[in-house]
């Protein structure tokens, strides 16, 4: 009789623990989120059948040890067209091999240099003439037709008449005049600078040569 009472006394806490665990699992399941009991080593606590115990406030799933369906790893980001821009940000997939692209993977007009000496600037002027405007119109249309976002550098030049300091300022004004015209047509990404009289393309000793040196050069990249 004593042994029987002792056995009942020993089983009572076990029954209480099982009951509390089952209740805890029921509450955890009722919240629709798999959370599991874990030990100090963060391993999942399992029963004799290898099933994980659910517990409110436990370690959230999914847990492979508990038989949860594990999410598939996202496909590693690559560069399918080999243009140096990851697929996740590439707005122009399938770019042709070897093409120069912008940061979004879209092909740009590469290494295009335009030397505007047609209908050159008048002496000591930074006013665009009809021939220059026509050339700038053509450039703007080409850029608009491109999928990429071209960057432009416009460099102004002068002939050798006048001081170097004055000619430097004049060359900068000529570059800015061309930039303003392109911007009025919706072209962005333009930087300007002046070279003054330092980079002639013709003989400054002749009138025709000086006229050719009064120019702007435009490079795309």
N, C-alpha and C. Protein backbone atom coordinates (compact mmCIF):
# COMPACT_ATOMS: atom_id res chain seq x y z
N UNK A 1 0.83 -1.20 0.00
CA UNK A 1 0.00 0.00 0.00
C UNK A 1 0.86 1.25 0.00
N UNK A 2 1.93 1.21 0.81
CA UNK A 2 2.85 2.34 0.89
C UNK A 2 3.55 2.56 -0.45
N UNK A 3 3.98 1.44 -1.06
CA UNK A 3 4.65 1.53 -2.35
C UNK A 3 3.72 2.10 -3.41
N UNK A 4 2.46 1.71 -3.37
CA UNK A 4 1.48 2.19 -4.34
C UNK A 4 1.28 3.70 -4.19
N UNK A 5 1.19 4.16 -2.94
CA UNK A 5 1.02 5.60 -2.72
C UNK A 5 2.26 6.37 -3.17
N UNK A 6 3.44 5.78 -2.92
CA UNK A 6 4.67 6.44 -3.32
C UNK A 6 4.75 6.56 -4.84
N UNK A 7 4.33 5.49 -5.52
CA UNK A 7 4.34 5.51 -6.99
C UNK A 7 3.39 6.57 -7.53
N UNK A 8 2.21 6.67 -6.89
CA UNK A 8 1.23 7.70 -7.32
C UNK A 8 1.80 9.09 -7.10
N UNK A 9 2.50 9.26 -5.94
CA UNK A 9 3.11 10.56 -5.63
C UNK A 9 4.18 10.91 -6.64
N UNK A 10 4.93 9.93 -7.11
CA UNK A 10 6.00 10.17 -8.09
C UNK A 10 5.43 10.48 -9.47
N UNK A 11 4.33 9.80 -9.81
CA UNK A 11 3.74 10.00 -11.14
C UNK A 11 2.99 11.31 -11.25
N UNK A 12 2.51 11.83 -10.12
CA UNK A 12 1.70 13.06 -10.15
C UNK A 12 2.44 14.23 -10.80
N UNK A 13 3.72 14.54 -10.37
CA UNK A 13 4.43 15.65 -11.02
C UNK A 13 4.67 15.41 -12.49
N UNK A 14 4.94 14.13 -12.85
CA UNK A 14 5.15 13.81 -14.26
C UNK A 14 3.89 14.08 -15.04
N UNK A 15 2.77 13.66 -14.51
CA UNK A 15 1.50 13.91 -15.18
C UNK A 15 1.22 15.39 -15.30
N UNK A 16 1.57 16.12 -14.24
CA UNK A 16 1.37 17.57 -14.27
C UNK A 16 2.23 18.22 -15.34
N UNK A 17 3.51 17.76 -15.43
CA UNK A 17 4.43 18.30 -16.44
C UNK A 17 3.93 18.01 -17.84
N UNK A 18 3.48 16.76 -18.08
CA UNK A 18 2.97 16.39 -19.40
C UNK A 18 1.75 17.23 -19.73
N UNK A 19 0.87 17.39 -18.71
CA UNK A 19 -0.33 18.17 -18.95
C UNK A 19 -0.02 19.60 -19.29
N UNK A 20 0.95 20.19 -18.56
CA UNK A 20 1.34 21.57 -18.84
C UNK A 20 1.97 21.69 -20.22
N UNK A 21 2.80 20.70 -20.60
CA UNK A 21 3.46 20.73 -21.92
C UNK A 21 2.43 20.64 -23.03
N UNK A 22 1.46 19.72 -22.84
CA UNK A 22 0.42 19.56 -23.86
C UNK A 22 -0.41 20.83 -23.98
N UNK A 23 -0.68 21.46 -22.83
CA UNK A 23 -1.44 22.71 -22.85
C UNK A 23 -0.66 23.79 -23.57
N UNK A 24 0.65 23.83 -23.30
CA UNK A 24 1.52 24.81 -23.95
C UNK A 24 1.52 24.61 -25.46
N UNK A 25 1.59 23.34 -25.88
CA UNK A 25 1.57 23.04 -27.31
C UNK A 25 0.25 23.47 -27.93
N UNK A 26 -0.83 23.21 -27.23
CA UNK A 26 -2.16 23.58 -27.75
C UNK A 26 -2.26 25.08 -27.95
N UNK A 27 -1.72 25.85 -26.97
CA UNK A 27 -1.76 27.31 -27.11
C UNK A 27 -0.89 27.76 -28.28
N UNK A 28 0.31 27.16 -28.38
CA UNK A 28 1.22 27.53 -29.46
C UNK A 28 0.59 27.23 -30.81
N UNK A 29 -0.06 26.07 -30.95
CA UNK A 29 -0.69 25.69 -32.22
C UNK A 29 -1.86 26.59 -32.53
N UNK A 30 -2.56 27.04 -31.46
CA UNK A 30 -3.73 27.89 -31.69
C UNK A 30 -3.35 29.23 -32.29
N UNK A 31 -2.10 29.65 -32.08
CA UNK A 31 -1.64 30.91 -32.66
C UNK A 31 -1.20 30.76 -34.11
N UNK A 32 -1.16 29.53 -34.59
CA UNK A 32 -0.84 29.29 -36.00
C UNK A 32 0.63 29.50 -36.33
N UNK A 33 1.51 29.59 -35.33
CA UNK A 33 2.93 29.79 -35.57
C UNK A 33 3.70 28.68 -34.87
N UNK A 34 4.56 28.00 -35.59
CA UNK A 34 5.35 26.94 -34.99
C UNK A 34 6.49 27.54 -34.18
N UNK A 35 6.41 27.37 -32.85
CA UNK A 35 7.49 27.76 -31.97
C UNK A 35 7.81 26.55 -31.11
N UNK A 36 9.09 26.28 -30.96
CA UNK A 36 9.51 25.03 -30.36
C UNK A 36 10.32 25.25 -29.09
N UNK A 37 10.18 24.27 -28.17
CA UNK A 37 11.01 24.27 -26.97
C UNK A 37 12.43 23.90 -27.37
N UNK A 38 13.40 24.60 -26.78
CA UNK A 38 14.80 24.31 -27.08
C UNK A 38 15.59 24.30 -25.78
N UNK A 39 16.73 23.61 -25.80
CA UNK A 39 17.55 23.54 -24.60
C UNK A 39 18.58 24.66 -24.61
N UNK A 40 19.49 24.63 -23.65
CA UNK A 40 20.49 25.71 -23.52
C UNK A 40 21.43 25.78 -24.71
N UNK A 41 21.54 24.66 -25.43
CA UNK A 41 22.41 24.63 -26.62
C UNK A 41 21.64 25.00 -27.88
N UNK A 42 20.38 25.45 -27.69
CA UNK A 42 19.51 25.85 -28.79
C UNK A 42 19.07 24.68 -29.66
N UNK A 43 19.24 23.43 -29.14
CA UNK A 43 18.73 22.26 -29.86
C UNK A 43 17.26 22.08 -29.51
N UNK A 44 16.49 21.58 -30.49
CA UNK A 44 15.08 21.37 -30.26
C UNK A 44 14.85 20.22 -29.29
N UNK A 45 13.89 20.40 -28.38
CA UNK A 45 13.54 19.35 -27.42
C UNK A 45 12.50 18.44 -28.08
N UNK A 46 12.78 17.14 -28.08
CA UNK A 46 11.88 16.18 -28.72
C UNK A 46 11.41 15.13 -27.73
N UNK A 47 10.29 14.49 -28.08
CA UNK A 47 9.78 13.39 -27.25
C UNK A 47 10.42 12.08 -27.71
N UNK A 48 9.95 10.97 -27.15
CA UNK A 48 10.54 9.66 -27.46
C UNK A 48 10.35 9.27 -28.92
N UNK A 49 9.37 9.91 -29.56
CA UNK A 49 9.12 9.62 -30.98
C UNK A 49 9.89 10.55 -31.90
N UNK A 50 10.69 11.43 -31.30
CA UNK A 50 11.49 12.36 -32.10
C UNK A 50 10.73 13.58 -32.56
N UNK A 51 9.54 13.80 -32.00
CA UNK A 51 8.74 14.95 -32.39
C UNK A 51 9.11 16.15 -31.52
N UNK A 52 9.17 17.31 -32.16
CA UNK A 52 9.53 18.52 -31.43
C UNK A 52 8.36 18.99 -30.57
N UNK A 53 8.70 19.46 -29.37
CA UNK A 53 7.67 20.04 -28.50
C UNK A 53 7.45 21.49 -28.89
N UNK A 54 6.18 21.84 -29.09
CA UNK A 54 5.86 23.24 -29.34
C UNK A 54 5.74 23.97 -28.01
N UNK A 55 6.12 25.24 -28.00
CA UNK A 55 6.07 26.01 -26.76
C UNK A 55 5.83 27.48 -27.07
N UNK A 56 4.93 28.08 -26.31
CA UNK A 56 4.71 29.52 -26.45
C UNK A 56 5.98 30.26 -26.06
N UNK A 57 6.39 31.18 -26.90
CA UNK A 57 7.61 31.93 -26.62
C UNK A 57 8.87 31.16 -26.93
N UNK A 58 8.73 29.99 -27.58
CA UNK A 58 9.90 29.18 -27.90
C UNK A 58 10.62 29.67 -29.14
N UNK A 59 11.50 28.81 -29.65
CA UNK A 59 12.27 29.14 -30.85
C UNK A 59 11.37 29.03 -32.07
N UNK A 60 11.25 30.09 -32.85
CA UNK A 60 10.34 30.04 -34.00
C UNK A 60 10.86 29.15 -35.12
N UNK A 61 9.91 28.59 -35.84
CA UNK A 61 10.25 27.80 -37.02
C UNK A 61 10.42 28.69 -38.22
N UNK A 62 10.66 28.10 -39.38
CA UNK A 62 10.74 26.65 -39.58
C UNK A 62 12.05 26.06 -39.07
N UNK A 63 11.96 24.82 -38.59
CA UNK A 63 13.12 24.09 -38.11
C UNK A 63 13.19 22.76 -38.85
N UNK A 64 14.29 22.52 -39.51
CA UNK A 64 14.46 21.30 -40.29
C UNK A 64 14.34 20.07 -39.40
N UNK A 65 14.90 20.13 -38.17
CA UNK A 65 14.87 19.00 -37.24
C UNK A 65 13.44 18.61 -36.88
N UNK A 66 12.53 19.58 -36.97
CA UNK A 66 11.14 19.33 -36.59
C UNK A 66 10.27 18.95 -37.79
N UNK A 67 10.90 18.78 -38.95
CA UNK A 67 10.17 18.35 -40.13
C UNK A 67 9.47 19.46 -40.87
N UNK A 68 9.77 20.72 -40.53
CA UNK A 68 9.14 21.84 -41.23
C UNK A 68 9.67 21.93 -42.66
N UNK A 69 8.82 22.44 -43.53
CA UNK A 69 9.25 22.67 -44.90
C UNK A 69 10.12 23.92 -44.92
N UNK A 70 11.35 23.75 -45.32
CA UNK A 70 12.29 24.87 -45.29
C UNK A 70 12.15 25.69 -46.56
N UNK A 71 12.22 27.05 -46.44
CA UNK A 71 12.12 27.89 -47.63
C UNK A 71 13.29 27.68 -48.56
N UNK A 72 13.03 27.76 -49.84
CA UNK A 72 14.10 27.61 -50.83
C UNK A 72 14.97 28.85 -50.80
N UNK A 73 16.26 28.65 -50.91
CA UNK A 73 17.17 29.78 -50.96
C UNK A 73 16.95 30.55 -52.24
N UNK A 74 16.99 31.88 -52.12
CA UNK A 74 16.83 32.71 -53.31
C UNK A 74 17.99 32.44 -54.26
N UNK A 75 17.66 32.46 -55.50
CA UNK A 75 18.67 32.23 -56.52
C UNK A 75 19.75 33.30 -56.42
N UNK A 76 21.00 32.88 -56.44
CA UNK A 76 22.10 33.82 -56.34
C UNK A 76 22.04 34.83 -57.49
N UNK A 77 22.30 36.09 -57.15
CA UNK A 77 22.27 37.14 -58.16
C UNK A 77 23.43 36.94 -59.12
N UNK A 78 23.15 37.01 -60.40
CA UNK A 78 24.18 36.82 -61.41
C UNK A 78 24.20 37.95 -62.41
N UNK A 79 24.93 37.74 -63.47
CA UNK A 79 25.05 38.72 -64.55
C UNK A 79 24.90 37.97 -65.86
N UNK A 80 23.65 37.71 -66.24
CA UNK A 80 23.35 36.82 -67.36
C UNK A 80 23.96 37.29 -68.67
N UNK A 81 23.95 38.61 -68.91
CA UNK A 81 24.46 39.09 -70.21
C UNK A 81 25.91 39.54 -70.14
N UNK A 82 26.56 39.38 -68.97
CA UNK A 82 27.99 39.66 -68.87
C UNK A 82 28.38 41.10 -69.07
N UNK A 83 27.46 42.03 -68.73
CA UNK A 83 27.79 43.45 -68.93
C UNK A 83 28.33 44.13 -67.69
N UNK A 84 28.54 43.34 -66.61
CA UNK A 84 29.08 43.90 -65.38
C UNK A 84 28.04 44.44 -64.44
N UNK A 85 26.74 44.31 -64.78
CA UNK A 85 25.64 44.78 -63.93
C UNK A 85 24.82 43.58 -63.50
N UNK A 86 24.59 43.44 -62.19
CA UNK A 86 23.85 42.30 -61.67
C UNK A 86 22.43 42.26 -62.20
N UNK A 87 21.91 41.06 -62.40
CA UNK A 87 20.57 40.88 -62.96
C UNK A 87 19.50 41.58 -62.13
N UNK A 88 19.70 41.67 -60.83
CA UNK A 88 18.68 42.24 -59.95
C UNK A 88 18.46 43.73 -60.21
N UNK A 89 19.44 44.41 -60.81
CA UNK A 89 19.29 45.84 -61.10
C UNK A 89 19.37 46.15 -62.59
N UNK A 90 19.60 45.12 -63.39
CA UNK A 90 19.77 45.31 -64.84
C UNK A 90 18.43 45.62 -65.50
N UNK A 91 18.29 46.84 -66.02
CA UNK A 91 17.05 47.25 -66.67
C UNK A 91 17.03 46.91 -68.16
N UNK A 92 18.18 46.49 -68.68
CA UNK A 92 18.27 46.15 -70.10
C UNK A 92 18.96 44.79 -70.26
N UNK A 93 18.27 43.70 -69.91
CA UNK A 93 18.88 42.38 -70.04
C UNK A 93 19.14 42.03 -71.50
N UNK A 94 20.13 41.20 -71.71
CA UNK A 94 20.43 40.76 -73.07
C UNK A 94 21.27 41.74 -73.86
N UNK A 95 22.02 42.61 -73.17
CA UNK A 95 22.88 43.57 -73.87
C UNK A 95 23.90 42.83 -74.72
N UNK A 96 24.17 43.36 -75.90
CA UNK A 96 25.12 42.70 -76.80
C UNK A 96 26.51 42.67 -76.17
N UNK A 97 27.25 41.64 -76.52
CA UNK A 97 28.57 41.42 -75.94
C UNK A 97 29.51 42.59 -76.25
N UNK A 98 30.23 43.04 -75.24
CA UNK A 98 31.22 44.08 -75.42
C UNK A 98 30.70 45.50 -75.39
N UNK A 99 29.39 45.67 -75.28
CA UNK A 99 28.81 47.02 -75.28
C UNK A 99 29.12 47.73 -73.98
N UNK A 100 29.32 49.02 -74.04
CA UNK A 100 29.48 49.84 -72.83
C UNK A 100 28.10 50.17 -72.30
N UNK A 101 27.92 50.02 -71.00
CA UNK A 101 26.60 50.23 -70.41
C UNK A 101 26.68 51.22 -69.26
N UNK A 102 25.50 51.77 -68.90
CA UNK A 102 25.43 52.64 -67.73
C UNK A 102 25.23 51.79 -66.48
N UNK A 103 24.99 52.43 -65.34
CA UNK A 103 24.89 51.68 -64.08
C UNK A 103 23.67 50.79 -64.02
N UNK A 104 22.71 50.98 -64.95
CA UNK A 104 21.51 50.16 -64.99
C UNK A 104 21.61 49.05 -66.03
N UNK A 105 22.79 48.92 -66.67
CA UNK A 105 22.97 47.85 -67.64
C UNK A 105 22.45 48.15 -69.03
N UNK A 106 22.19 49.42 -69.31
CA UNK A 106 21.69 49.82 -70.64
C UNK A 106 22.82 50.39 -71.47
N UNK A 107 22.86 50.01 -72.74
CA UNK A 107 23.94 50.41 -73.62
C UNK A 107 23.94 51.92 -73.86
N UNK A 108 25.12 52.51 -73.84
CA UNK A 108 25.27 53.94 -74.09
C UNK A 108 26.12 54.15 -75.34
N UNK A 109 25.98 55.35 -75.91
CA UNK A 109 26.83 55.73 -77.05
C UNK A 109 28.25 55.90 -76.52
N UNK A 110 29.15 55.10 -76.99
CA UNK A 110 30.49 55.05 -76.42
C UNK A 110 31.53 55.80 -77.26
N UNK A 111 32.38 56.53 -76.54
CA UNK A 111 33.54 57.17 -77.15
C UNK A 111 33.18 58.00 -78.39
N UNK A 112 32.07 58.70 -78.32
CA UNK A 112 31.66 59.57 -79.43
C UNK A 112 32.23 60.96 -79.18
N UNK A 113 33.05 61.42 -80.09
CA UNK A 113 33.64 62.76 -79.98
C UNK A 113 33.19 63.60 -81.15
N UNK A 114 32.61 64.76 -80.84
CA UNK A 114 32.14 65.68 -81.88
C UNK A 114 32.91 66.98 -81.74
N UNK A 115 33.54 67.39 -82.81
CA UNK A 115 34.29 68.64 -82.83
C UNK A 115 33.48 69.64 -83.66
N UNK A 116 32.80 70.55 -82.96
CA UNK A 116 31.90 71.47 -83.66
C UNK A 116 32.68 72.67 -84.19
N UNK A 117 33.13 72.56 -85.43
CA UNK A 117 33.82 73.67 -86.09
C UNK A 117 33.04 74.15 -87.31
N UNK A 118 31.84 73.56 -87.49
CA UNK A 118 30.98 74.00 -88.58
C UNK A 118 30.24 75.27 -88.14
N UNK A 119 30.34 76.31 -88.96
CA UNK A 119 29.70 77.58 -88.61
C UNK A 119 30.22 78.04 -87.25
N UNK A 120 31.55 78.23 -87.15
CA UNK A 120 32.25 78.45 -85.89
C UNK A 120 31.77 79.70 -85.15
N UNK A 121 32.22 79.79 -83.91
CA UNK A 121 31.91 80.98 -83.12
C UNK A 121 32.53 82.22 -83.76
N UNK A 122 31.84 83.30 -83.68
CA UNK A 122 32.43 84.56 -84.10
C UNK A 122 33.53 84.94 -83.12
N UNK A 123 34.44 85.80 -83.57
CA UNK A 123 35.54 86.23 -82.73
C UNK A 123 35.00 86.86 -81.44
N UNK A 124 35.53 86.41 -80.32
CA UNK A 124 35.19 86.94 -78.99
C UNK A 124 33.72 86.76 -78.63
N UNK A 125 33.08 85.73 -79.21
CA UNK A 125 31.66 85.48 -78.93
C UNK A 125 31.46 84.05 -78.42
N UNK A 126 30.36 83.86 -77.69
CA UNK A 126 30.00 82.52 -77.21
C UNK A 126 28.56 82.21 -77.60
N UNK A 127 28.14 82.77 -78.75
CA UNK A 127 26.77 82.59 -79.22
C UNK A 127 26.74 81.47 -80.26
N UNK A 128 25.88 80.49 -80.07
CA UNK A 128 25.77 79.38 -81.02
C UNK A 128 25.18 79.87 -82.33
N UNK A 129 25.77 79.42 -83.42
CA UNK A 129 25.27 79.78 -84.75
C UNK A 129 24.45 78.62 -85.32
N UNK A 130 23.71 78.84 -86.40
CA UNK A 130 22.79 77.81 -86.92
C UNK A 130 23.44 76.46 -87.19
N UNK A 131 24.63 76.45 -87.73
CA UNK A 131 25.30 75.18 -88.02
C UNK A 131 25.59 74.39 -86.76
N UNK A 132 26.01 75.08 -85.71
CA UNK A 132 26.28 74.41 -84.44
C UNK A 132 25.00 73.87 -83.82
N UNK A 133 23.95 74.64 -83.89
CA UNK A 133 22.67 74.19 -83.34
C UNK A 133 22.17 72.94 -84.05
N UNK A 134 22.36 72.90 -85.37
CA UNK A 134 21.93 71.73 -86.13
C UNK A 134 22.71 70.49 -85.70
N UNK A 135 24.02 70.67 -85.46
CA UNK A 135 24.84 69.54 -85.02
C UNK A 135 24.43 69.09 -83.61
N UNK A 136 24.10 70.03 -82.76
CA UNK A 136 23.65 69.69 -81.42
C UNK A 136 22.28 69.01 -81.44
N UNK A 137 21.42 69.44 -82.36
CA UNK A 137 20.12 68.78 -82.52
C UNK A 137 20.31 67.31 -82.85
N UNK A 138 21.22 67.04 -83.78
CA UNK A 138 21.47 65.66 -84.19
C UNK A 138 22.00 64.83 -83.03
N UNK A 139 22.91 65.42 -82.25
CA UNK A 139 23.47 64.71 -81.10
C UNK A 139 22.37 64.42 -80.07
N UNK A 140 21.53 65.41 -79.81
CA UNK A 140 20.45 65.22 -78.84
C UNK A 140 19.52 64.10 -79.26
N UNK A 141 19.19 64.03 -80.54
CA UNK A 141 18.29 62.98 -81.03
C UNK A 141 18.93 61.60 -80.89
N UNK A 142 20.22 61.51 -81.11
CA UNK A 142 20.92 60.23 -80.96
C UNK A 142 20.92 59.78 -79.51
N UNK A 143 21.11 60.71 -78.62
CA UNK A 143 21.13 60.37 -77.20
C UNK A 143 19.73 59.95 -76.74
N UNK A 144 18.71 60.66 -77.21
CA UNK A 144 17.34 60.32 -76.83
C UNK A 144 16.95 58.93 -77.33
N UNK A 145 17.50 58.53 -78.46
CA UNK A 145 17.18 57.22 -79.03
C UNK A 145 17.92 56.09 -78.31
N UNK A 146 18.93 56.43 -77.54
CA UNK A 146 19.71 55.43 -76.82
C UNK A 146 18.97 55.01 -75.55
N UNK A 147 19.08 53.73 -75.20
CA UNK A 147 18.45 53.22 -73.98
C UNK A 147 19.21 53.63 -72.73
N UNK A 148 20.49 53.91 -72.89
CA UNK A 148 21.33 54.21 -71.75
C UNK A 148 21.25 55.67 -71.32
N UNK A 149 21.93 55.96 -70.23
CA UNK A 149 22.01 57.32 -69.71
C UNK A 149 23.43 57.84 -69.93
N UNK A 150 23.64 58.46 -71.08
CA UNK A 150 24.97 58.95 -71.42
C UNK A 150 25.40 60.12 -70.52
N UNK A 151 26.69 60.18 -70.28
CA UNK A 151 27.31 61.33 -69.62
C UNK A 151 28.08 62.09 -70.69
N UNK A 152 27.99 63.40 -70.67
CA UNK A 152 28.65 64.21 -71.68
C UNK A 152 29.64 65.18 -71.03
N UNK A 153 30.75 65.37 -71.70
CA UNK A 153 31.70 66.41 -71.31
C UNK A 153 31.86 67.36 -72.48
N UNK A 154 31.60 68.64 -72.26
CA UNK A 154 31.72 69.64 -73.31
C UNK A 154 32.90 70.55 -72.96
N UNK A 155 33.82 70.65 -73.91
CA UNK A 155 35.03 71.45 -73.71
C UNK A 155 35.07 72.58 -74.73
N UNK A 156 35.24 73.79 -74.24
CA UNK A 156 35.32 74.95 -75.12
C UNK A 156 36.76 75.32 -75.44
N UNK A 157 36.96 75.94 -76.64
CA UNK A 157 38.29 76.34 -77.10
C UNK A 157 38.22 77.73 -77.75
N UNK A 158 39.38 78.37 -77.85
CA UNK A 158 39.47 79.69 -78.50
C UNK A 158 40.68 79.72 -79.44
N UNK A 159 40.78 80.81 -80.18
CA UNK A 159 42.01 81.05 -80.93
C UNK A 159 43.02 81.71 -79.99
N UNK A 160 44.14 82.16 -80.52
CA UNK A 160 45.22 82.66 -79.66
C UNK A 160 45.20 84.16 -79.45
N UNK A 161 44.24 84.85 -80.03
CA UNK A 161 44.18 86.30 -79.85
C UNK A 161 43.59 86.62 -78.48
N UNK A 162 44.28 87.48 -77.75
CA UNK A 162 43.84 87.83 -76.40
C UNK A 162 44.70 87.14 -75.36
N UNK A 163 44.53 87.51 -74.10
CA UNK A 163 45.33 86.93 -73.03
C UNK A 163 44.86 85.50 -72.73
N UNK A 164 45.75 84.73 -72.15
CA UNK A 164 45.40 83.34 -71.81
C UNK A 164 44.25 83.30 -70.80
N UNK A 165 44.29 84.20 -69.82
CA UNK A 165 43.24 84.20 -68.80
C UNK A 165 41.88 84.55 -69.40
N UNK A 166 41.87 85.53 -70.30
CA UNK A 166 40.61 85.92 -70.93
C UNK A 166 40.08 84.78 -71.80
N UNK A 167 40.98 84.17 -72.56
CA UNK A 167 40.57 83.09 -73.45
C UNK A 167 40.07 81.87 -72.67
N UNK A 168 40.61 81.65 -71.48
CA UNK A 168 40.13 80.54 -70.66
C UNK A 168 38.67 80.78 -70.29
N UNK A 169 38.35 81.99 -69.86
CA UNK A 169 36.97 82.31 -69.51
C UNK A 169 36.05 82.24 -70.71
N UNK A 170 36.53 82.68 -71.87
CA UNK A 170 35.72 82.65 -73.09
C UNK A 170 35.44 81.20 -73.50
N UNK A 171 36.43 80.35 -73.37
CA UNK A 171 36.23 78.93 -73.75
C UNK A 171 35.20 78.27 -72.83
N UNK A 172 35.22 78.64 -71.56
CA UNK A 172 34.23 78.09 -70.63
C UNK A 172 32.82 78.56 -70.97
N UNK A 173 32.69 79.81 -71.38
CA UNK A 173 31.37 80.33 -71.75
C UNK A 173 30.84 79.62 -73.00
N UNK A 174 31.71 79.31 -73.92
CA UNK A 174 31.29 78.59 -75.12
C UNK A 174 30.80 77.18 -74.78
N UNK A 175 31.51 76.52 -73.88
CA UNK A 175 31.09 75.18 -73.46
C UNK A 175 29.72 75.23 -72.77
N UNK A 176 29.53 76.24 -71.93
CA UNK A 176 28.26 76.37 -71.21
C UNK A 176 27.11 76.72 -72.16
N UNK A 177 27.41 77.45 -73.23
CA UNK A 177 26.36 77.77 -74.21
C UNK A 177 25.86 76.51 -74.90
N UNK A 178 26.79 75.62 -75.25
CA UNK A 178 26.40 74.35 -75.89
C UNK A 178 25.65 73.47 -74.90
N UNK A 179 26.09 73.47 -73.64
CA UNK A 179 25.41 72.66 -72.62
C UNK A 179 23.99 73.15 -72.40
N UNK A 180 23.82 74.46 -72.33
CA UNK A 180 22.48 75.02 -72.10
C UNK A 180 21.55 74.66 -73.24
N UNK A 181 22.05 74.63 -74.46
CA UNK A 181 21.22 74.28 -75.60
C UNK A 181 20.77 72.82 -75.52
N UNK A 182 21.69 71.93 -75.20
CA UNK A 182 21.34 70.51 -75.07
C UNK A 182 20.37 70.29 -73.91
N UNK A 183 20.58 70.99 -72.82
CA UNK A 183 19.68 70.86 -71.67
C UNK A 183 18.28 71.33 -72.01
N UNK A 184 18.19 72.34 -72.87
CA UNK A 184 16.87 72.81 -73.29
C UNK A 184 16.12 71.77 -74.10
N UNK A 185 16.87 70.79 -74.63
CA UNK A 185 16.27 69.70 -75.39
C UNK A 185 16.07 68.44 -74.52
N UNK A 186 16.29 68.60 -73.23
CA UNK A 186 16.04 67.48 -72.31
C UNK A 186 17.22 66.58 -72.06
N UNK A 187 18.41 66.98 -72.48
CA UNK A 187 19.60 66.16 -72.25
C UNK A 187 20.21 66.52 -70.90
N UNK A 188 20.52 65.50 -70.10
CA UNK A 188 21.11 65.73 -68.78
C UNK A 188 22.46 65.03 -68.69
N UNK A 189 23.09 65.13 -67.52
CA UNK A 189 24.38 64.47 -67.30
C UNK A 189 25.51 65.15 -68.05
N UNK A 190 25.52 66.49 -68.05
CA UNK A 190 26.51 67.25 -68.81
C UNK A 190 27.47 67.97 -67.86
N UNK A 191 28.75 67.86 -68.13
CA UNK A 191 29.76 68.66 -67.43
C UNK A 191 30.50 69.50 -68.45
N UNK A 192 31.01 70.65 -68.03
CA UNK A 192 31.68 71.56 -68.96
C UNK A 192 33.04 71.97 -68.41
N UNK A 193 33.92 72.33 -69.32
CA UNK A 193 35.21 72.92 -68.95
C UNK A 193 35.77 73.68 -70.14
N UNK A 194 36.79 74.47 -69.89
CA UNK A 194 37.42 75.25 -70.95
C UNK A 194 38.91 74.97 -71.04
N UNK A 195 39.41 75.01 -72.27
CA UNK A 195 40.85 74.80 -72.50
C UNK A 195 41.52 76.06 -73.01
N UNK A 196 40.75 77.14 -73.15
CA UNK A 196 41.35 78.37 -73.65
C UNK A 196 41.93 78.19 -75.03
N UNK A 197 43.14 78.70 -75.20
CA UNK A 197 43.83 78.62 -76.50
C UNK A 197 44.84 77.49 -76.54
N UNK A 198 44.86 76.63 -75.54
CA UNK A 198 45.94 75.65 -75.36
C UNK A 198 45.87 74.44 -76.29
N UNK A 199 44.75 74.21 -76.97
CA UNK A 199 44.62 73.00 -77.80
C UNK A 199 44.11 73.33 -79.19
N UNK A 200 44.90 74.01 -79.98
CA UNK A 200 44.44 74.37 -81.33
C UNK A 200 44.39 73.15 -82.25
N UNK A 201 43.48 73.19 -83.22
CA UNK A 201 43.41 72.14 -84.23
C UNK A 201 43.86 72.67 -85.59
N UNK A 202 44.13 73.94 -85.63
CA UNK A 202 44.56 74.56 -86.89
C UNK A 202 45.56 75.68 -86.58
N UNK A 203 46.14 76.24 -87.62
CA UNK A 203 47.18 77.27 -87.48
C UNK A 203 46.56 78.59 -87.05
N UNK A 204 46.94 79.06 -85.88
CA UNK A 204 46.44 80.34 -85.41
C UNK A 204 47.05 81.53 -86.16
N UNK A 205 48.01 81.23 -87.05
CA UNK A 205 48.62 82.31 -87.84
C UNK A 205 47.77 82.73 -89.02
N UNK A 206 46.68 81.99 -89.30
CA UNK A 206 45.80 82.35 -90.42
C UNK A 206 44.38 82.60 -89.91
N UNK A 207 43.64 83.38 -90.67
CA UNK A 207 42.26 83.69 -90.29
C UNK A 207 41.41 82.42 -90.29
N UNK A 208 41.57 81.58 -91.32
CA UNK A 208 40.80 80.34 -91.40
C UNK A 208 41.15 79.40 -90.25
N UNK A 209 42.45 79.35 -89.90
CA UNK A 209 42.88 78.49 -88.81
C UNK A 209 42.31 78.95 -87.48
N UNK A 210 42.34 80.26 -87.24
CA UNK A 210 41.79 80.78 -85.99
C UNK A 210 40.28 80.50 -85.87
N UNK A 211 39.58 80.55 -87.00
CA UNK A 211 38.14 80.27 -86.99
C UNK A 211 37.87 78.83 -86.54
N UNK A 212 38.68 77.91 -87.05
CA UNK A 212 38.49 76.50 -86.67
C UNK A 212 38.79 76.26 -85.19
N UNK A 213 39.68 77.06 -84.65
CA UNK A 213 40.03 76.88 -83.23
C UNK A 213 38.96 77.42 -82.28
N UNK A 214 38.06 78.24 -82.81
CA UNK A 214 36.95 78.75 -81.98
C UNK A 214 35.83 77.72 -82.03
N UNK A 215 35.86 76.77 -81.08
CA UNK A 215 35.01 75.59 -81.21
C UNK A 215 34.65 75.01 -79.84
N UNK A 216 33.81 74.01 -79.88
CA UNK A 216 33.56 73.15 -78.71
C UNK A 216 33.71 71.70 -79.12
N UNK A 217 34.15 70.88 -78.20
CA UNK A 217 34.25 69.45 -78.41
C UNK A 217 33.36 68.75 -77.39
N UNK A 218 32.67 67.72 -77.85
CA UNK A 218 31.76 66.98 -76.98
C UNK A 218 32.15 65.50 -76.98
N UNK A 219 32.28 64.94 -75.80
CA UNK A 219 32.58 63.52 -75.66
C UNK A 219 31.48 62.86 -74.85
N UNK A 220 31.06 61.68 -75.30
CA UNK A 220 30.07 60.89 -74.55
C UNK A 220 30.76 59.68 -73.96
N UNK A 221 30.22 59.23 -72.85
CA UNK A 221 30.74 58.01 -72.20
C UNK A 221 29.70 57.45 -71.27
